[in-house]
Protein backbone atom coordinates (compact mmCIF):
# COMPACT_ATOMS: atom_id res chain seq x y z
CA MET A 1 0.00 0.00 0.00
CA ASN A 2 1.23 3.48 -0.71
CA SER A 3 1.25 6.10 2.02
CA ASN A 4 -1.45 8.20 0.33
CA PHE A 5 -3.74 5.15 0.36
CA GLU A 6 -2.94 4.46 3.97
CA GLU A 7 -3.57 8.06 5.06
CA LYS A 8 -6.90 8.40 3.25
CA THR A 9 -8.07 4.99 4.41
CA PHE A 10 -6.94 5.68 7.98
CA ARG A 11 -8.78 9.01 8.09
CA ALA A 12 -11.96 7.57 6.56
CA VAL A 13 -12.13 4.56 8.86
CA ASN A 14 -11.09 6.54 11.92
CA ASP A 15 -13.74 9.19 11.28
CA LEU A 16 -16.36 6.46 10.99
CA VAL A 17 -15.28 4.80 14.23
CA GLU A 18 -15.48 8.11 16.07
CA THR A 19 -18.85 8.87 14.44
CA ALA A 20 -20.23 5.48 15.46
CA LYS A 21 -18.94 5.97 19.02
CA ALA A 22 -20.65 9.37 19.17
CA GLY A 23 -23.87 7.84 17.89
CA MET A 24 -23.70 5.09 20.49
CA LYS A 25 -23.19 7.59 23.31
CA GLY A 26 -25.84 9.92 21.90
CA TYR A 27 -28.42 7.15 21.67
CA GLU A 28 -27.56 5.94 25.18
CA THR A 29 -28.11 9.46 26.49
CA ALA A 30 -31.34 9.83 24.51
CA ALA A 31 -32.68 6.49 25.79
CA GLU A 32 -32.02 7.59 29.37
CA ASN A 33 -34.10 10.73 28.85
CA VAL A 34 -37.32 9.38 27.34
CA GLU A 35 -40.22 7.84 29.22
CA ASN A 36 -42.02 6.02 26.40
CA PRO A 37 -40.97 2.34 26.67
CA GLN A 38 -41.22 1.70 22.91
CA ILE A 39 -39.05 4.70 22.06
CA LYS A 40 -36.63 3.92 24.91
CA ALA A 41 -36.24 0.38 23.54
CA GLU A 42 -35.67 1.66 20.00
CA LEU A 43 -33.05 4.18 21.13
CA SER A 44 -31.30 1.48 23.19
CA ARG A 45 -31.34 -0.83 20.16
CA LEU A 46 -29.76 1.91 18.05
CA ALA A 47 -27.07 2.46 20.70
CA GLN A 48 -26.27 -1.27 20.49
CA GLN A 49 -26.27 -1.09 16.69
CA ARG A 50 -23.70 1.71 16.77
CA ALA A 51 -21.57 -0.25 19.25
CA SER A 52 -21.54 -3.14 16.78
CA PHE A 53 -20.60 -0.67 14.01
CA VAL A 54 -17.56 0.39 16.07
CA SER A 55 -16.50 -3.21 16.62
CA GLU A 56 -16.96 -4.13 12.96
CA LEU A 57 -15.05 -1.08 11.71
CA GLU A 58 -12.20 -1.65 14.16
CA THR A 59 -11.95 -5.32 13.16
CA ASN A 60 -11.81 -4.39 9.47
CA ALA A 61 -9.24 -1.67 10.15
CA ARG A 62 -6.95 -4.08 12.02
CA GLN A 63 -6.96 -6.42 9.00
CA TYR A 64 -5.23 -3.62 7.10
CA GLY A 65 -2.91 -2.59 9.91
CA ILE A 66 -4.93 0.50 10.77
CA GLU A 67 -5.07 1.47 14.43
CA THR A 68 -8.27 3.44 15.03
CA ARG A 69 -7.52 4.83 18.47
CA ASN A 70 -6.39 8.39 17.97
CA ASP A 71 -6.63 9.90 21.43
CA ASN A 72 -3.32 11.71 21.05
CA THR A 73 -3.81 13.17 17.57
CA VAL A 74 -5.22 16.57 16.71
CA GLU A 75 -8.00 14.84 14.76
CA GLY A 76 -8.87 12.75 17.81
CA VAL A 77 -9.09 15.78 20.07
CA VAL A 78 -11.27 17.63 17.53
CA MET A 79 -13.57 14.63 17.06
CA ASP A 80 -13.87 14.18 20.84
CA ALA A 81 -14.81 17.85 21.17
CA ALA A 82 -17.38 17.60 18.37
CA ASN A 83 -18.85 14.47 19.93
CA ALA A 84 -19.07 16.16 23.33
CA VAL A 85 -20.86 19.09 21.74
CA HIS A 86 -23.38 16.74 20.12
CA ARG A 87 -24.03 14.95 23.43
CA GLY A 88 -24.29 18.35 25.07
CA TRP A 89 -27.02 19.37 22.66
CA ILE A 90 -29.06 16.33 23.62
CA ASN A 91 -28.60 17.21 27.28
CA LEU A 92 -29.35 20.89 26.69
CA LYS A 93 -32.47 20.22 24.65
CA SER A 94 -33.61 17.69 27.23
CA ALA A 95 -33.16 20.18 30.05
CA ILE A 96 -34.85 23.03 28.20
CA SER A 97 -37.77 21.02 26.95
CA GLY A 98 -38.29 18.94 30.08
CA ASN A 99 -37.04 15.80 28.38
CA SER A 100 -39.43 16.31 25.47
CA THR A 101 -39.35 13.09 23.49
CA SER A 102 -39.93 15.00 20.28
CA ALA A 103 -36.93 17.26 20.92
CA ILE A 104 -34.75 14.27 21.78
CA LEU A 105 -35.81 12.41 18.63
CA ASN A 106 -35.14 15.53 16.60
CA GLU A 107 -31.60 15.72 17.98
CA CYS A 108 -31.07 12.04 17.20
CA GLU A 109 -32.19 12.71 13.62
CA ASN A 110 -29.66 15.55 13.44
CA GLY A 111 -26.95 13.23 14.74
CA ASP A 112 -27.80 10.65 12.11
CA ALA A 113 -27.81 13.29 9.37
CA ALA A 114 -24.28 14.28 10.42
CA ALA A 115 -23.25 10.60 10.53
CA LEU A 116 -24.59 10.05 7.00
CA LYS A 117 -22.40 12.88 5.74
CA THR A 118 -19.34 11.32 7.36
CA TYR A 119 -20.13 7.96 5.76
CA GLU A 120 -20.67 9.60 2.38
CA GLU A 121 -17.28 11.31 2.65
CA ALA A 122 -15.64 7.99 3.50
CA LEU A 123 -17.25 6.36 0.46
CA LYS A 124 -15.57 8.97 -1.75
CA VAL A 125 -12.16 7.47 -0.90
CA GLN A 126 -11.19 5.75 -4.13
CA ASP A 127 -8.87 3.09 -2.76
CA LEU A 128 -10.98 1.64 0.03
CA PRO A 129 -10.64 -2.14 0.12
CA MET A 130 -13.84 -3.75 -1.18
CA ASP A 131 -14.67 -5.50 2.10
CA VAL A 132 -14.30 -2.22 4.00
CA ARG A 133 -16.39 -0.39 1.39
CA SER A 134 -19.09 -3.04 1.73
CA VAL A 135 -19.22 -2.59 5.52
CA ILE A 136 -19.38 1.20 5.13
CA GLU A 137 -22.17 1.00 2.55
CA ARG A 138 -24.23 -1.34 4.73
CA GLN A 139 -23.75 0.81 7.83
CA HIS A 140 -24.69 3.92 5.83
CA HIS A 141 -27.89 2.15 4.75
CA ASP A 142 -28.64 1.14 8.35
CA ILE A 143 -28.16 4.71 9.58
CA LEU A 144 -30.47 6.02 6.87
CA GLU A 145 -33.09 3.47 7.93
CA ALA A 146 -32.67 4.51 11.58
CA LYS A 147 -33.07 8.18 10.70
CA ASN A 148 -36.25 7.41 8.77
CA ARG A 149 -37.55 5.31 11.68
CA LEU A 150 -36.96 8.21 14.06
CA THR A 151 -38.90 10.51 11.76
CA THR A 152 -41.78 8.04 11.75
CA LEU A 153 -41.69 7.73 15.55
CA LYS A 154 -41.65 11.51 15.95
CA THR A 155 -44.55 12.13 13.57
CA GLY A 156 -46.56 9.36 15.23
CA MET A 157 -46.45 11.12 18.60
């Protein structure tokens, strides 16, 4: 592999791992702040789904010698800050709206919209290995389905 390939692949996969971790934490926080048992269960399921995304992405990355933990890099610090801001918005909206389920679902939709953009950027990387591309495409599809499900849940309230 050439270094340009390695750098682009590393960044793409690493961004996706961090995005999936943020989604997992965001959905965990959202599930803790809703009362409706059906919605709580759905948000918990989505948190578990994102945890499995992290595991799957990390496993694929290791097959190509990519280490996804980037706690000491500038990118890692920036992603951690962005993720904290996203979780903060869920907490802020929950506090302001008295844990309004609609506001929480809206923030989850926003989080998924941001995740979709990250996945779409990763799919633009030309030299992604086919098995990694396949995982990314499937996860993108699953996130889109989750976002649509949240919209349905919100409009059904």
